[in-house]
Protein backbone atom coordinates (compact mmCIF):
# COMPACT_ATOMS: atom_id res chain seq x y z
CA MET A 1 -133.48 62.53 13.93
CA LYS A 2 -131.05 65.24 12.64
CA PHE A 3 -131.50 69.24 12.75
CA ARG A 4 -129.68 72.16 11.53
CA ASN A 5 -130.04 75.13 13.94
CA LEU A 6 -131.26 78.13 12.70
CA SER A 7 -128.98 80.44 14.99
CA ALA A 8 -126.03 79.74 17.10
CA ASN A 9 -127.39 81.36 19.85
CA ALA A 10 -129.70 78.80 22.18
CA VAL A 11 -132.93 80.47 23.45
CA ASP A 12 -134.94 79.49 26.23
CA ALA A 13 -137.97 78.80 24.76
CA GLU A 14 -139.95 78.22 28.15
CA PRO A 15 -140.88 81.89 28.51
CA TYR A 16 -141.71 82.22 24.77
CA LEU A 17 -144.27 79.06 24.80
CA GLU A 18 -145.74 80.41 27.56
CA ALA A 19 -146.50 83.91 26.39
CA ILE A 20 -147.56 82.25 22.92
CA GLN A 21 -150.07 79.88 24.57
CA SER A 22 -151.85 82.81 26.75
CA THR A 23 -151.73 84.74 23.78
CA ILE A 24 -153.66 82.58 21.57
CA GLY A 25 -155.73 81.37 24.60
CA ILE A 26 -155.45 77.50 24.14
CA ALA A 27 -152.57 75.22 24.92
CA LEU A 28 -150.27 73.70 22.30
CA PRO A 29 -150.45 70.10 21.58
CA ASN A 30 -147.87 68.40 23.96
CA GLU A 31 -145.90 66.61 21.31
CA TYR A 32 -144.84 69.64 19.33
CA LEU A 33 -144.29 71.65 22.67
CA ASN A 34 -141.56 69.24 23.55
CA PHE A 35 -140.40 69.33 20.29
CA LEU A 36 -139.77 72.85 20.46
CA ARG A 37 -138.56 72.50 23.78
CA GLU A 38 -135.42 70.26 22.13
CA PHE A 39 -135.00 71.56 18.84
CA ASN A 40 -135.96 75.57 18.95
CA GLY A 41 -135.89 76.72 15.23
CA VAL A 42 -134.14 74.08 12.95
CA ARG A 43 -133.99 72.64 9.55
CA PRO A 44 -134.20 68.96 8.64
CA PHE A 45 -130.96 67.76 7.46
CA PRO A 46 -130.59 65.69 5.18
CA PRO A 47 -133.79 67.77 3.45
CA VAL A 48 -137.14 66.72 3.63
CA GLU A 49 -139.53 65.62 0.48
CA ILE A 50 -143.11 64.86 1.29
CA GLU A 51 -145.46 63.70 -1.43
CA LEU A 52 -148.77 65.46 -1.55
CA PRO A 53 -152.20 64.91 -3.64
CA HIS A 54 -151.34 67.59 -6.09
CA GLY A 55 -147.49 66.55 -6.27
CA GLY A 56 -144.85 66.68 -3.67
CA THR A 57 -142.96 69.74 -1.47
CA ASP A 58 -140.17 69.97 0.40
CA LEU A 59 -140.01 71.05 4.37
CA GLN A 60 -137.25 73.89 4.66
CA LEU A 61 -137.38 74.61 8.10
CA PHE A 62 -139.39 74.49 11.44
CA TYR A 63 -140.07 77.69 13.12
CA GLY A 64 -138.91 78.29 16.46
CA VAL A 65 -139.79 80.73 19.35
CA GLY A 66 -138.02 83.85 20.55
CA PRO A 67 -136.03 86.54 18.80
CA GLY A 68 -135.02 85.84 15.51
CA LEU A 69 -136.69 86.09 11.60
CA ASN A 70 -138.84 82.51 11.70
CA ASP A 71 -140.45 82.31 14.93
CA VAL A 72 -143.82 81.64 16.08
CA GLU A 73 -143.46 84.97 18.40
CA LYS A 74 -144.69 87.09 15.47
CA LEU A 75 -148.16 84.87 15.81
CA ASP A 76 -150.65 86.99 14.05
CA TYR A 77 -148.39 87.66 11.09
CA TRP A 78 -148.24 83.90 10.48
CA ILE A 79 -151.91 83.49 11.37
CA ASP A 80 -152.82 86.09 8.68
CA LEU A 81 -150.53 84.93 6.21
CA LEU A 82 -152.26 81.37 6.07
CA GLU A 83 -155.78 82.68 6.79
CA ARG A 84 -155.96 79.82 9.49
CA PRO A 85 -157.03 81.61 12.44
CA GLU A 86 -157.78 78.16 14.03
CA GLY A 87 -153.95 77.04 13.65
CA ILE A 88 -150.14 77.84 14.01
CA ALA A 89 -147.83 77.74 11.64
CA ILE A 90 -145.09 75.31 12.18
CA GLY A 91 -142.70 75.71 9.30
CA ASN A 92 -142.48 76.50 5.32
CA ASP A 93 -141.26 74.91 2.51
CA SER A 94 -138.97 76.51 -0.26
CA GLY A 95 -141.83 78.29 -2.04
CA ALA A 96 -143.03 79.66 1.47
CA ASN A 97 -146.39 77.63 1.65
CA GLY A 98 -146.98 76.98 5.42
CA PHE A 99 -147.20 73.80 7.36
CA TRP A 100 -149.39 74.37 10.46
CA ILE A 101 -151.03 72.60 13.38
CA SER A 102 -154.91 72.75 13.54
CA LEU A 103 -156.06 74.01 17.27
CA ALA A 104 -159.72 73.70 16.16
CA LYS A 105 -161.97 71.42 18.45
CA GLY A 106 -162.35 68.18 16.31
CA ASP A 107 -159.10 68.45 14.76
CA TYR A 108 -156.69 69.65 17.75
CA GLY A 109 -153.15 68.49 17.00
CA SER A 110 -153.63 67.39 13.41
CA VAL A 111 -150.81 68.74 10.79
CA HIS A 112 -151.56 70.40 7.43
CA PHE A 113 -149.61 71.79 4.30
CA GLU A 114 -151.10 74.99 2.78
CA HIS A 115 -150.05 76.08 -0.43
CA ARG A 116 -150.81 79.45 -1.99
CA ASP A 117 -151.68 78.11 -5.57
CA TRP A 118 -153.22 74.73 -5.52
CA LYS A 119 -156.50 74.47 -5.61
CA PRO A 120 -157.65 72.79 -3.07
CA ASN A 121 -154.96 74.55 -1.54
CA CYS A 122 -154.78 72.85 2.00
CA CYS A 123 -154.38 69.17 2.77
CA LYS A 124 -154.02 67.38 6.16
CA LEU A 125 -150.81 65.31 6.61
CA ALA A 126 -151.24 63.80 9.83
CA GLU A 127 -153.65 63.02 12.78
CA ASN A 128 -150.95 64.38 14.84
CA TRP A 129 -147.07 65.80 15.48
CA GLY A 130 -145.49 62.42 16.01
CA ASP A 131 -147.52 60.95 13.06
CA PHE A 132 -146.18 63.91 11.25
CA LEU A 133 -142.70 63.42 12.21
CA ARG A 134 -142.71 59.82 11.18
CA LEU A 135 -143.67 60.93 7.16
CA PHE A 136 -139.99 61.79 6.93
CA TYR A 137 -138.10 60.01 10.27
CA GLU A 138 -138.25 57.25 12.13
CA VAL A 139 -138.78 58.66 15.67
CA GLU A 140 -138.35 56.38 18.90
């Protein structure tokens, strides 16, 4: 798996992850937490294309935690943007449409894509973080 860092300054994700989970009152999926601990705020390389029911999209970046533009520390902003209080935003495409993880009972950990112009505008991409990454990378 190859990624390009969004920032030259490495940030210890752990304090931010603890604060986010405390704020939302639910633990984030372990696979996703481990991803953030290792790759906090990155762009996939090479760029990722994903086929969807209404067409394709591109995965431009994964949000990180900590100071910076694309971080889930701004949790309320991202939840309001997606109008998905049962999930947390994890990244976006080149059109600023969002990828998010469900934190709802019965669908916990599943990964979704939401496009503001499509009807229906949301689709489930994978049942869990590992399956999501396997859509475009070989995961060991």
